[in-house]
């Protein structure tokens, strides 16, 4: 495995999907698939606070999860976007496509 791959993780705790470690080209496929499985069965609040590194593939993953949630008739919200991920979302002008929960807001 490439360095950093083992640090990527995702886990479901109730309605909260916690994503951590690097979300980059090398790790995004596994994280995206695991997230999709959780989204398929219920509404989720995706907590991104534990992410340590991102590239543009992380933005693609979020957009894919939104699309999948809509297809499955589920609600999805994102919280705790790291600054570097929020910057990429803004750079690609997809702010309106990625539902970010405000402070104290849940699903």
PDB file of N, CA and C in Angstrom:
ATOM      1  N   UNK A   1       0.828  -1.190   0.000  1.00  0.00           N
ATOM      2  CA  UNK A   1       0.000   0.000   0.000  1.00  0.00           C
ATOM      3  C   UNK A   1       0.869   1.248   0.000  1.00  0.00           C
ATOM      4  N   UNK A   2       0.381   2.262  -0.640  1.00  0.00           N
ATOM      5  CA  UNK A   2       1.112   3.531  -0.669  1.00  0.00           C
ATOM      6  C   UNK A   2       1.039   4.197   0.687  1.00  0.00           C
ATOM      7  N   UNK A   3       2.024   4.999   0.979  1.00  0.00           N
ATOM      8  CA  UNK A   3       2.045   5.713   2.255  1.00  0.00           C
ATOM      9  C   UNK A   3       0.788   6.554   2.389  1.00  0.00           C
ATOM     10  N   UNK A   4       0.184   6.526   3.569  1.00  0.00           N
ATOM     11  CA  UNK A   4      -0.994   7.332   3.835  1.00  0.00           C
ATOM     12  C   UNK A   4      -2.300   6.603   3.602  1.00  0.00           C
ATOM     13  N   UNK A   5      -2.308   5.543   2.803  1.00  0.00           N
ATOM     14  CA  UNK A   5      -3.547   4.834   2.529  1.00  0.00           C
ATOM     15  C   UNK A   5      -4.156   4.257   3.787  1.00  0.00           C
ATOM     16  N   UNK A   6      -3.339   3.735   4.656  1.00  0.00           N
ATOM     17  CA  UNK A   6      -3.861   3.087   5.852  1.00  0.00           C
ATOM     18  C   UNK A   6      -4.443   4.085   6.840  1.00  0.00           C
ATOM     19  N   UNK A   7      -4.149   5.356   6.690  1.00  0.00           N
ATOM     20  CA  UNK A   7      -4.671   6.366   7.594  1.00  0.00           C
ATOM     21  C   UNK A   7      -6.105   6.763   7.257  1.00  0.00           C
ATOM     22  N   UNK A   8      -6.565   6.488   6.047  1.00  0.00           N
ATOM     23  CA  UNK A   8      -7.916   6.855   5.640  1.00  0.00           C
ATOM     24  C   UNK A   8      -8.910   5.944   6.353  1.00  0.00           C
ATOM     25  N   UNK A   9      -9.982   6.545   6.863  1.00  0.00           N
ATOM     26  CA  UNK A   9     -10.989   5.731   7.538  1.00  0.00           C
ATOM     27  C   UNK A   9     -12.369   6.368   7.436  1.00  0.00           C
ATOM     28  N   UNK A  10     -13.371   5.514   7.594  1.00  0.00           N
ATOM     29  CA  UNK A  10     -14.754   5.949   7.577  1.00  0.00           C
ATOM     30  C   UNK A  10     -15.516   5.009   8.496  1.00  0.00           C
ATOM     31  N   UNK A  11     -16.404   5.583   9.308  1.00  0.00           N
ATOM     32  CA  UNK A  11     -17.192   4.731  10.198  1.00  0.00           C
ATOM     33  C   UNK A  11     -18.544   5.393  10.458  1.00  0.00           C
ATOM     34  N   UNK A  12     -19.532   4.565  10.647  1.00  0.00           N
ATOM     35  CA  UNK A  12     -20.884   5.032  10.896  1.00  0.00           C
ATOM     36  C   UNK A  12     -21.169   4.913  12.384  1.00  0.00           C
ATOM     37  N   UNK A  13     -21.582   6.013  12.992  1.00  0.00           N
ATOM     38  CA  UNK A  13     -21.976   6.034  14.399  1.00  0.00           C
ATOM     39  C   UNK A  13     -23.367   6.626  14.467  1.00  0.00           C
ATOM     40  N   UNK A  14     -24.368   5.755  14.498  1.00  0.00           N
ATOM     41  CA  UNK A  14     -25.750   6.222  14.434  1.00  0.00           C
ATOM     42  C   UNK A  14     -25.987   6.881  13.085  1.00  0.00           C
ATOM     43  N   UNK A  15     -26.550   8.087  13.088  1.00  0.00           N
ATOM     44  CA  UNK A  15     -26.782   8.771  11.809  1.00  0.00           C
ATOM     45  C   UNK A  15     -25.563   9.554  11.320  1.00  0.00           C
ATOM     46  N   UNK A  16     -24.470   9.495  12.073  1.00  0.00           N
ATOM     47  CA  UNK A  16     -23.276  10.275  11.726  1.00  0.00           C
ATOM     48  C   UNK A  16     -22.240   9.380  11.051  1.00  0.00           C
ATOM     49  N   UNK A  17     -21.805   9.832   9.871  1.00  0.00           N
ATOM     50  CA  UNK A  17     -20.773   9.144   9.129  1.00  0.00           C
ATOM     51  C   UNK A  17     -19.491   9.943   9.300  1.00  0.00           C
ATOM     52  N   UNK A  18     -18.505   9.366   9.980  1.00  0.00           N
ATOM     53  CA  UNK A  18     -17.253  10.060  10.255  1.00  0.00           C
ATOM     54  C   UNK A  18     -16.198   9.652   9.237  1.00  0.00           C
ATOM     55  N   UNK A  19     -15.602  10.639   8.589  1.00  0.00           N
ATOM     56  CA  UNK A  19     -14.580  10.404   7.579  1.00  0.00           C
ATOM     57  C   UNK A  19     -13.285  11.025   8.077  1.00  0.00           C
ATOM     58  N   UNK A  20     -12.186  10.281   7.969  1.00  0.00           N
ATOM     59  CA  UNK A  20     -10.925  10.819   8.451  1.00  0.00           C
ATOM     60  C   UNK A  20      -9.727  10.346   7.654  1.00  0.00           C
ATOM     61  N   UNK A  21      -8.608  10.981   7.943  1.00  0.00           N
ATOM     62  CA  UNK A  21      -7.371  10.682   7.243  1.00  0.00           C
ATOM     63  C   UNK A  21      -7.340  11.396   5.901  1.00  0.00           C
ATOM     64  N   UNK A  22      -6.441  11.000   5.029  1.00  0.00           N
ATOM     65  CA  UNK A  22      -6.345  11.656   3.728  1.00  0.00           C
ATOM     66  C   UNK A  22      -7.468  11.200   2.789  1.00  0.00           C
ATOM     67  N   UNK A  23      -8.116  12.156   2.154  1.00  0.00           N
ATOM     68  CA  UNK A  23      -9.105  11.851   1.120  1.00  0.00           C
ATOM     69  C   UNK A  23      -8.533  12.413  -0.169  1.00  0.00           C
ATOM     70  N   UNK A  24      -7.788  11.555  -0.839  1.00  0.00           N
ATOM     71  CA  UNK A  24      -7.054  11.943  -2.031  1.00  0.00           C
ATOM     72  C   UNK A  24      -7.296  10.899  -3.122  1.00  0.00           C
ATOM     73  N   UNK A  25      -6.699  11.134  -4.253  1.00  0.00           N
ATOM     74  CA  UNK A  25      -6.826  10.214  -5.376  1.00  0.00           C
ATOM     75  C   UNK A  25      -6.519   8.772  -4.965  1.00  0.00           C
ATOM     76  N   UNK A  26      -5.551   8.573  -4.091  1.00  0.00           N
ATOM     77  CA  UNK A  26      -5.144   7.230  -3.669  1.00  0.00           C
ATOM     78  C   UNK A  26      -6.145   6.539  -2.751  1.00  0.00           C
ATOM     79  N   UNK A  27      -6.959   7.294  -2.021  1.00  0.00           N
ATOM     80  CA  UNK A  27      -7.837   6.702  -1.012  1.00  0.00           C
ATOM     81  C   UNK A  27      -9.323   6.876  -1.287  1.00  0.00           C
ATOM     82  N   UNK A  28      -9.673   7.754  -2.198  1.00  0.00           N
ATOM     83  CA  UNK A  28     -11.068   8.161  -2.344  1.00  0.00           C
ATOM     84  C   UNK A  28     -12.005   7.029  -2.766  1.00  0.00           C
ATOM     85  N   UNK A  29     -11.560   6.105  -3.557  1.00  0.00           N
ATOM     86  CA  UNK A  29     -12.450   5.049  -4.045  1.00  0.00           C
ATOM     87  C   UNK A  29     -13.027   4.220  -2.903  1.00  0.00           C
ATOM     88  N   UNK A  30     -12.176   3.766  -2.000  1.00  0.00           N
ATOM     89  CA  UNK A  30     -12.648   2.964  -0.877  1.00  0.00           C
ATOM     90  C   UNK A  30     -13.548   3.747   0.059  1.00  0.00           C
ATOM     91  N   UNK A  31     -13.179   4.982   0.330  1.00  0.00           N
ATOM     92  CA  UNK A  31     -13.992   5.819   1.211  1.00  0.00           C
ATOM     93  C   UNK A  31     -15.348   6.090   0.564  1.00  0.00           C
ATOM     94  N   UNK A  32     -15.356   6.407  -0.718  1.00  0.00           N
ATOM     95  CA  UNK A  32     -16.605   6.712  -1.422  1.00  0.00           C
ATOM     96  C   UNK A  32     -17.550   5.512  -1.409  1.00  0.00           C
ATOM     97  N   UNK A  33     -17.018   4.324  -1.650  1.00  0.00           N
ATOM     98  CA  UNK A  33     -17.861   3.120  -1.655  1.00  0.00           C
ATOM     99  C   UNK A  33     -18.452   2.833  -0.284  1.00  0.00           C
ATOM    100  N   UNK A  34     -17.647   2.956   0.748  1.00  0.00           N
ATOM    101  CA  UNK A  34     -18.148   2.721   2.103  1.00  0.00           C
ATOM    102  C   UNK A  34     -19.210   3.744   2.473  1.00  0.00           C
ATOM    103  N   UNK A  35     -18.994   4.980   2.084  1.00  0.00           N
ATOM    104  CA  UNK A  35     -19.982   6.025   2.353  1.00  0.00           C
ATOM    105  C   UNK A  35     -21.278   5.777   1.615  1.00  0.00           C
ATOM    106  N   UNK A  36     -21.177   5.336   0.378  1.00  0.00           N
ATOM    107  CA  UNK A  36     -22.382   5.064  -0.403  1.00  0.00           C
ATOM    108  C   UNK A  36     -23.235   3.984   0.254  1.00  0.00           C
ATOM    109  N   UNK A  37     -22.600   2.962   0.809  1.00  0.00           N
ATOM    110  CA  UNK A  37     -23.337   1.900   1.493  1.00  0.00           C
ATOM    111  C   UNK A  37     -24.140   2.460   2.660  1.00  0.00           C
ATOM    112  N   UNK A  38     -23.566   3.399   3.404  1.00  0.00           N
ATOM    113  CA  UNK A  38     -24.269   4.011   4.529  1.00  0.00           C
ATOM    114  C   UNK A  38     -25.407   4.906   4.041  1.00  0.00           C
ATOM    115  N   UNK A  39     -25.153   5.654   2.988  1.00  0.00           N
ATOM    116  CA  UNK A  39     -26.153   6.574   2.439  1.00  0.00           C
ATOM    117  C   UNK A  39     -27.345   5.814   1.871  1.00  0.00           C
ATOM    118  N   UNK A  40     -27.093   4.646   1.335  1.00  0.00           N
ATOM    119  CA  UNK A  40     -28.156   3.862   0.712  1.00  0.00           C
ATOM    120  C   UNK A  40     -29.229   3.462   1.716  1.00  0.00           C
ATOM    121  N   UNK A  41     -28.842   3.257   2.966  1.00  0.00           N
ATOM    122  CA  UNK A  41     -29.785   2.736   3.957  1.00  0.00           C
ATOM    123  C   UNK A  41     -30.443   3.780   4.834  1.00  0.00           C
ATOM    124  N   UNK A  42     -29.865   4.984   4.928  1.00  0.00           N
ATOM    125  CA  UNK A  42     -30.477   5.995   5.803  1.00  0.00           C
ATOM    126  C   UNK A  42     -29.916   7.385   5.519  1.00  0.00           C
ATOM    127  N   UNK A  43     -30.615   8.369   6.065  1.00  0.00           N
ATOM    128  CA  UNK A  43     -30.118   9.739   6.007  1.00  0.00           C
ATOM    129  C   UNK A  43     -28.850   9.813   6.852  1.00  0.00           C
ATOM    130  N   UNK A  44     -27.905  10.627   6.436  1.00  0.00           N
ATOM    131  CA  UNK A  44     -26.666  10.718   7.187  1.00  0.00           C
ATOM    132  C   UNK A  44     -26.188  12.157   7.330  1.00  0.00           C
ATOM    133  N   UNK A  45     -25.502  12.375   8.414  1.00  0.00           N
ATOM    134  CA  UNK A  45     -24.789  13.607   8.682  1.00  0.00           C
ATOM    135  C   UNK A  45     -23.315  13.238   8.557  1.00  0.00           C
ATOM    136  N   UNK A  46     -22.647  13.764   7.549  1.00  0.00           N
ATOM    137  CA  UNK A  46     -21.266  13.382   7.268  1.00  0.00           C
ATOM    138  C   UNK A  46     -20.327  14.359   7.960  1.00  0.00           C
ATOM    139  N   UNK A  47     -19.577  13.850   8.929  1.00  0.00           N
ATOM    140  CA  UNK A  47     -18.656  14.659   9.713  1.00  0.00           C
ATOM    141  C   UNK A  47     -17.253  14.519   9.128  1.00  0.00           C
ATOM    142  N   UNK A  48     -16.715  15.626   8.635  1.00  0.00           N
ATOM    143  CA  UNK A  48     -15.428  15.620   7.939  1.00  0.00           C
ATOM    144  C   UNK A  48     -14.287  16.175   8.800  1.00  0.00           C
ATOM    145  N   UNK A  49     -14.505  16.295  10.088  1.00  0.00           N
ATOM    146  CA  UNK A  49     -13.529  16.925  10.984  1.00  0.00           C
ATOM    147  C   UNK A  49     -12.197  16.188  11.052  1.00  0.00           C
ATOM    148  N   UNK A  50     -12.199  14.882  10.831  1.00  0.00           N
ATOM    149  CA  UNK A  50     -10.972  14.100  10.984  1.00  0.00           C
ATOM    150  C   UNK A  50     -10.160  13.986   9.696  1.00  0.00           C
ATOM    151  N   UNK A  51     -10.596  14.660   8.637  1.00  0.00           N
ATOM    152  CA  UNK A  51      -9.840  14.615   7.378  1.00  0.00           C
ATOM    153  C   UNK A  51      -8.534  15.382   7.559  1.00  0.00           C
ATOM    154  N   UNK A  52      -7.452  14.782   7.093  1.00  0.00           N
ATOM    155  CA  UNK A  52      -6.126  15.387   7.268  1.00  0.00           C
ATOM    156  C   UNK A  52      -5.548  15.977   5.994  1.00  0.00           C
ATOM    157  N   UNK A  53      -6.020  15.496   4.845  1.00  0.00           N
ATOM    158  CA  UNK A  53      -5.473  15.951   3.563  1.00  0.00           C
ATOM    159  C   UNK A  53      -6.534  15.743   2.501  1.00  0.00           C
ATOM    160  N   UNK A  54      -6.636  16.678   1.547  1.00  0.00           N
ATOM    161  CA  UNK A  54      -7.585  16.536   0.445  1.00  0.00           C
ATOM    162  C   UNK A  54      -6.961  16.970  -0.866  1.00  0.00           C
ATOM    163  N   UNK A  55      -7.574  16.504  -1.924  1.00  0.00           N
ATOM    164  CA  UNK A  55      -7.308  17.045  -3.248  1.00  0.00           C
ATOM    165  C   UNK A  55      -8.673  17.125  -3.941  1.00  0.00           C
ATOM    166  N   UNK A  56      -8.692  17.423  -5.211  1.00  0.00           N
ATOM    167  CA  UNK A  56      -9.964  17.629  -5.897  1.00  0.00           C
ATOM    168  C   UNK A  56     -10.853  16.391  -5.893  1.00  0.00           C
ATOM    169  N   UNK A  57     -10.289  15.220  -5.716  1.00  0.00           N
ATOM    170  CA  UNK A  57     -11.111  14.010  -5.672  1.00  0.00           C
ATOM    171  C   UNK A  57     -12.051  14.012  -4.468  1.00  0.00           C
ATOM    172  N   UNK A  58     -11.699  14.708  -3.390  1.00  0.00           N
ATOM    173  CA  UNK A  58     -12.589  14.804  -2.224  1.00  0.00           C
ATOM    174  C   UNK A  58     -13.859  15.567  -2.586  1.00  0.00           C
ATOM    175  N   UNK A  59     -13.735  16.616  -3.377  1.00  0.00           N
ATOM    176  CA  UNK A  59     -14.907  17.374  -3.824  1.00  0.00           C
ATOM    177  C   UNK A  59     -15.788  16.478  -4.686  1.00  0.00           C
ATOM    178  N   UNK A  60     -15.182  15.721  -5.575  1.00  0.00           N
ATOM    179  CA  UNK A  60     -15.931  14.795  -6.422  1.00  0.00           C
ATOM    180  C   UNK A  60     -16.685  13.777  -5.576  1.00  0.00           C
ATOM    181  N   UNK A  61     -16.057  13.295  -4.510  1.00  0.00           N
ATOM    182  CA  UNK A  61     -16.696  12.328  -3.629  1.00  0.00           C
ATOM    183  C   UNK A  61     -17.934  12.928  -2.964  1.00  0.00           C
ATOM    184  N   UNK A  62     -17.816  14.149  -2.471  1.00  0.00           N
ATOM    185  CA  UNK A  62     -18.969  14.789  -1.834  1.00  0.00           C
ATOM    186  C   UNK A  62     -20.117  14.948  -2.824  1.00  0.00           C
ATOM    187  N   UNK A  63     -19.798  15.389  -4.027  1.00  0.00           N
ATOM    188  CA  UNK A  63     -20.831  15.555  -5.057  1.00  0.00           C
ATOM    189  C   UNK A  63     -21.471  14.205  -5.406  1.00  0.00           C
ATOM    190  N   UNK A  64     -20.677  13.167  -5.460  1.00  0.00           N
ATOM    191  CA  UNK A  64     -21.210  11.834  -5.746  1.00  0.00           C
ATOM    192  C   UNK A  64     -22.129  11.369  -4.624  1.00  0.00           C
ATOM    193  N   UNK A  65     -21.755  11.607  -3.383  1.00  0.00           N
ATOM    194  CA  UNK A  65     -22.611  11.230  -2.259  1.00  0.00           C
ATOM    195  C   UNK A  65     -23.926  11.988  -2.290  1.00  0.00           C
ATOM    196  N   UNK A  66     -23.898  13.260  -2.645  1.00  0.00           N
ATOM    197  CA  UNK A  66     -25.137  14.030  -2.760  1.00  0.00           C
ATOM    198  C   UNK A  66     -26.016  13.419  -3.843  1.00  0.00           C
ATOM    199  N   UNK A  67     -25.418  13.106  -4.965  1.00  0.00           N
ATOM    200  CA  UNK A  67     -26.172  12.505  -6.070  1.00  0.00           C
ATOM    201  C   UNK A  67     -26.770  11.161  -5.658  1.00  0.00           C
ATOM    202  N   UNK A  68     -25.984  10.340  -4.987  1.00  0.00           N
ATOM    203  CA  UNK A  68     -26.471   9.035  -4.532  1.00  0.00           C
ATOM    204  C   UNK A  68     -27.591   9.190  -3.507  1.00  0.00           C
ATOM    205  N   UNK A  69     -27.438  10.103  -2.576  1.00  0.00           N
ATOM    206  CA  UNK A  69     -28.480  10.324  -1.573  1.00  0.00           C
ATOM    207  C   UNK A  69     -29.791  10.713  -2.255  1.00  0.00           C
ATOM    208  N   UNK A  70     -29.717  11.590  -3.230  1.00  0.00           N
ATOM    209  CA  UNK A  70     -30.921  11.980  -3.969  1.00  0.00           C
ATOM    210  C   UNK A  70     -31.528  10.772  -4.683  1.00  0.00           C
ATOM    211  N   UNK A  71     -30.691   9.962  -5.301  1.00  0.00           N
ATOM    212  CA  UNK A  71     -31.174   8.782  -6.020  1.00  0.00           C
ATOM    213  C   UNK A  71     -31.842   7.779  -5.079  1.00  0.00           C
ATOM    214  N   UNK A  72     -31.331   7.666  -3.859  1.00  0.00           N
ATOM    215  CA  UNK A  72     -31.888   6.739  -2.876  1.00  0.00           C
ATOM    216  C   UNK A  72     -33.016   7.364  -2.061  1.00  0.00           C
ATOM    217  N   UNK A  73     -33.315   8.622  -2.309  1.00  0.00           N
ATOM    218  CA  UNK A  73     -34.367   9.303  -1.546  1.00  0.00           C
ATOM    219  C   UNK A  73     -33.967   9.592  -0.114  1.00  0.00           C
ATOM    220  N   UNK A  74     -32.669   9.763   0.129  1.00  0.00           N
ATOM    221  CA  UNK A  74     -32.151  10.025   1.467  1.00  0.00           C
ATOM    222  C   UNK A  74     -31.702  11.478   1.590  1.00  0.00           C
ATOM    223  N   UNK A  75     -31.650  11.941   2.806  1.00  0.00           N
ATOM    224  CA  UNK A  75     -31.151  13.284   3.088  1.00  0.00           C
ATOM    225  C   UNK A  75     -29.698  13.173   3.536  1.00  0.00           C
ATOM    226  N   UNK A  76     -28.885  14.115   3.112  1.00  0.00           N
ATOM    227  CA  UNK A  76     -27.471  14.128   3.487  1.00  0.00           C
ATOM    228  C   UNK A  76     -27.071  15.564   3.814  1.00  0.00           C
ATOM    229  N   UNK A  77     -26.236  15.714   4.824  1.00  0.00           N
ATOM    230  CA  UNK A  77     -25.673  17.015   5.206  1.00  0.00           C
ATOM    231  C   UNK A  77     -24.214  16.773   5.587  1.00  0.00           C
ATOM    232  N   UNK A  78     -23.403  17.797   5.373  1.00  0.00           N
ATOM    233  CA  UNK A  78     -21.985  17.728   5.714  1.00  0.00           C
ATOM    234  C   UNK A  78     -21.688  18.736   6.812  1.00  0.00           C
ATOM    235  N   UNK A  79     -20.842  18.336   7.751  1.00  0.00           N
ATOM    236  CA  UNK A  79     -20.411  19.239   8.820  1.00  0.00           C
ATOM    237  C   UNK A  79     -18.895  19.175   8.945  1.00  0.00           C
ATOM    238  N   UNK A  80     -18.354  20.216   9.559  1.00  0.00           N
ATOM    239  CA  UNK A  80     -16.922  20.281   9.884  1.00  0.00           C
ATOM    240  C   UNK A  80     -16.007  20.117   8.668  1.00  0.00           C
ATOM    241  N   UNK A  81     -16.331  20.826   7.588  1.00  0.00           N
ATOM    242  CA  UNK A  81     -15.447  20.793   6.416  1.00  0.00           C
ATOM    243  C   UNK A  81     -14.113  21.423   6.786  1.00  0.00           C
ATOM    244  N   UNK A  82     -13.010  20.715   6.554  1.00  0.00           N
ATOM    245  CA  UNK A  82     -11.702  21.327   6.778  1.00  0.00           C
ATOM    246  C   UNK A  82     -11.547  22.550   5.863  1.00  0.00           C
ATOM    247  N   UNK A  83     -10.760  23.509   6.281  1.00  0.00           N
ATOM    248  CA  UNK A  83     -10.578  24.749   5.531  1.00  0.00           C
ATOM    249  C   UNK A  83     -10.129  24.478   4.098  1.00  0.00           C
ATOM    250  N   UNK A  84      -9.192  23.544   3.923  1.00  0.00           N
ATOM    251  CA  UNK A  84      -8.698  23.276   2.570  1.00  0.00           C
ATOM    252  C   UNK A  84      -9.782  22.663   1.677  1.00  0.00           C
ATOM    253  N   UNK A  85     -10.672  21.859   2.239  1.00  0.00           N
ATOM    254  CA  UNK A  85     -11.768  21.298   1.465  1.00  0.00           C
ATOM    255  C   UNK A  85     -12.809  22.371   1.152  1.00  0.00           C
ATOM    256  N   UNK A  86     -13.127  23.194   2.125  1.00  0.00           N
ATOM    257  CA  UNK A  86     -14.065  24.295   1.889  1.00  0.00           C
ATOM    258  C   UNK A  86     -13.538  25.236   0.800  1.00  0.00           C
ATOM    259  N   UNK A  87     -12.230  25.451   0.779  1.00  0.00           N
ATOM    260  CA  UNK A  87     -11.621  26.297  -0.254  1.00  0.00           C
ATOM    261  C   UNK A  87     -11.776  25.683  -1.637  1.00  0.00           C
ATOM    262  N   UNK A  88     -11.605  24.368  -1.745  1.00  0.00           N
ATOM    263  CA  UNK A  88     -11.780  23.706  -3.032  1.00  0.00           C
ATOM    264  C   UNK A  88     -13.236  23.758  -3.485  1.00  0.00           C
ATOM    265  N   UNK A  89     -14.154  23.568  -2.560  1.00  0.00           N
ATOM    266  CA  UNK A  89     -15.577  23.646  -2.883  1.00  0.00           C
ATOM    267  C   UNK A  89     -15.911  25.026  -3.431  1.00  0.00           C
ATOM    268  N   UNK A  90     -15.358  26.044  -2.803  1.00  0.00           N
ATOM    269  CA  UNK A  90     -15.574  27.409  -3.272  1.00  0.00           C
ATOM    270  C   UNK A  90     -14.883  27.655  -4.615  1.00  0.00           C
ATOM    271  N   UNK A  91     -13.665  27.171  -4.763  1.00  0.00           N
ATOM    272  CA  UNK A  91     -12.916  27.348  -6.007  1.00  0.00           C
ATOM    273  C   UNK A  91     -13.674  26.759  -7.196  1.00  0.00           C
ATOM    274  N   UNK A  92     -14.253  25.574  -7.002  1.00  0.00           N
ATOM    275  CA  UNK A  92     -14.989  24.912  -8.081  1.00  0.00           C
ATOM    276  C   UNK A  92     -16.430  25.411  -8.187  1.00  0.00           C
ATOM    277  N   UNK A  93     -16.802  26.349  -7.323  1.00  0.00           N
ATOM    278  CA  UNK A  93     -18.122  26.981  -7.352  1.00  0.00           C
ATOM    279  C   UNK A  93     -19.256  25.953  -7.255  1.00  0.00           C
ATOM    280  N   UNK A  94     -19.118  25.018  -6.297  1.00  0.00           N
ATOM    281  CA  UNK A  94     -20.148  24.010  -6.077  1.00  0.00           C
ATOM    282  C   UNK A  94     -20.768  24.135  -4.685  1.00  0.00           C
ATOM    283  N   UNK A  95     -20.625  25.299  -4.083  1.00  0.00           N
ATOM    284  CA  UNK A  95     -21.163  25.538  -2.740  1.00  0.00           C
ATOM    285  C   UNK A  95     -22.644  25.190  -2.659  1.00  0.00           C
ATOM    286  N   UNK A  96     -23.390  25.574  -3.689  1.00  0.00           N
ATOM    287  CA  UNK A  96     -24.833  25.354  -3.672  1.00  0.00           C
ATOM    288  C   UNK A  96     -25.214  23.893  -3.872  1.00  0.00           C
ATOM    289  N   UNK A  97     -24.292  23.076  -4.301  1.00  0.00           N
ATOM    290  CA  UNK A  97     -24.573  21.666  -4.552  1.00  0.00           C
ATOM    291  C   UNK A  97     -24.241  20.764  -3.372  1.00  0.00           C
ATOM    292  N   UNK A  98     -23.471  21.291  -2.425  1.00  0.00           N
ATOM    293  CA  UNK A  98     -23.031  20.502  -1.271  1.00  0.00           C
ATOM    294  C   UNK A  98     -23.703  21.068  -0.019  1.00  0.00           C
ATOM    295  N   UNK A  99     -24.696  20.345   0.513  1.00  0.00           N
ATOM    296  CA  UNK A  99     -25.451  20.844   1.665  1.00  0.00           C
ATOM    297  C   UNK A  99     -24.646  20.780   2.968  1.00  0.00           C
ATOM    298  N   UNK A 100     -24.221  21.928   3.421  1.00  0.00           N
ATOM    299  CA  UNK A 100     -23.448  22.008   4.663  1.00  0.00           C
ATOM    300  C   UNK A 100     -24.387  22.424   5.787  1.00  0.00           C
ATOM    301  N   UNK A 101     -24.393  21.651   6.858  1.00  0.00           N
ATOM    302  CA  UNK A 101     -25.215  21.964   8.022  1.00  0.00           C
ATOM    303  C   UNK A 101     -24.573  23.081   8.817  1.00  0.00           C
ATOM    304  N   UNK A 102     -25.388  24.002   9.259  1.00  0.00           N
ATOM    305  CA  UNK A 102     -24.910  25.087  10.102  1.00  0.00           C
ATOM    306  C   UNK A 102     -24.722  24.627  11.539  1.00  0.00           C
ATOM    307  N   UNK A 103     -24.171  25.487  12.399  1.00  0.00           N
ATOM    308  CA  UNK A 103     -23.951  25.125  13.802  1.00  0.00           C
ATOM    309  C   UNK A 103     -25.273  24.705  14.461  1.00  0.00           C
ATOM    310  N   UNK A 104     -25.265  23.553  15.083  1.00  0.00           N
ATOM    311  CA  UNK A 104     -26.434  23.058  15.788  1.00  0.00           C
ATOM    312  C   UNK A 104     -27.490  22.430  14.885  1.00  0.00           C
ATOM    313  N   UNK A 105     -27.316  22.526  13.585  1.00  0.00           N
ATOM    314  CA  UNK A 105     -28.285  21.960  12.647  1.00  0.00           C
ATOM    315  C   UNK A 105     -27.952  20.499  12.420  1.00  0.00           C
ATOM    316  N   UNK A 106     -28.969  19.674  12.409  1.00  0.00           N
ATOM    317  CA  UNK A 106     -28.780  18.265  12.098  1.00  0.00           C
ATOM    318  C   UNK A 106     -29.480  17.970  10.791  1.00  0.00           C
ATOM    319  N   UNK A 107     -29.881  16.743  10.595  1.00  0.00           N
ATOM    320  CA  UNK A 107     -30.538  16.372   9.365  1.00  0.00           C
ATOM    321  C   UNK A 107     -31.892  16.995   9.337  1.00  0.00           C
TER     322      UNK A 107
END
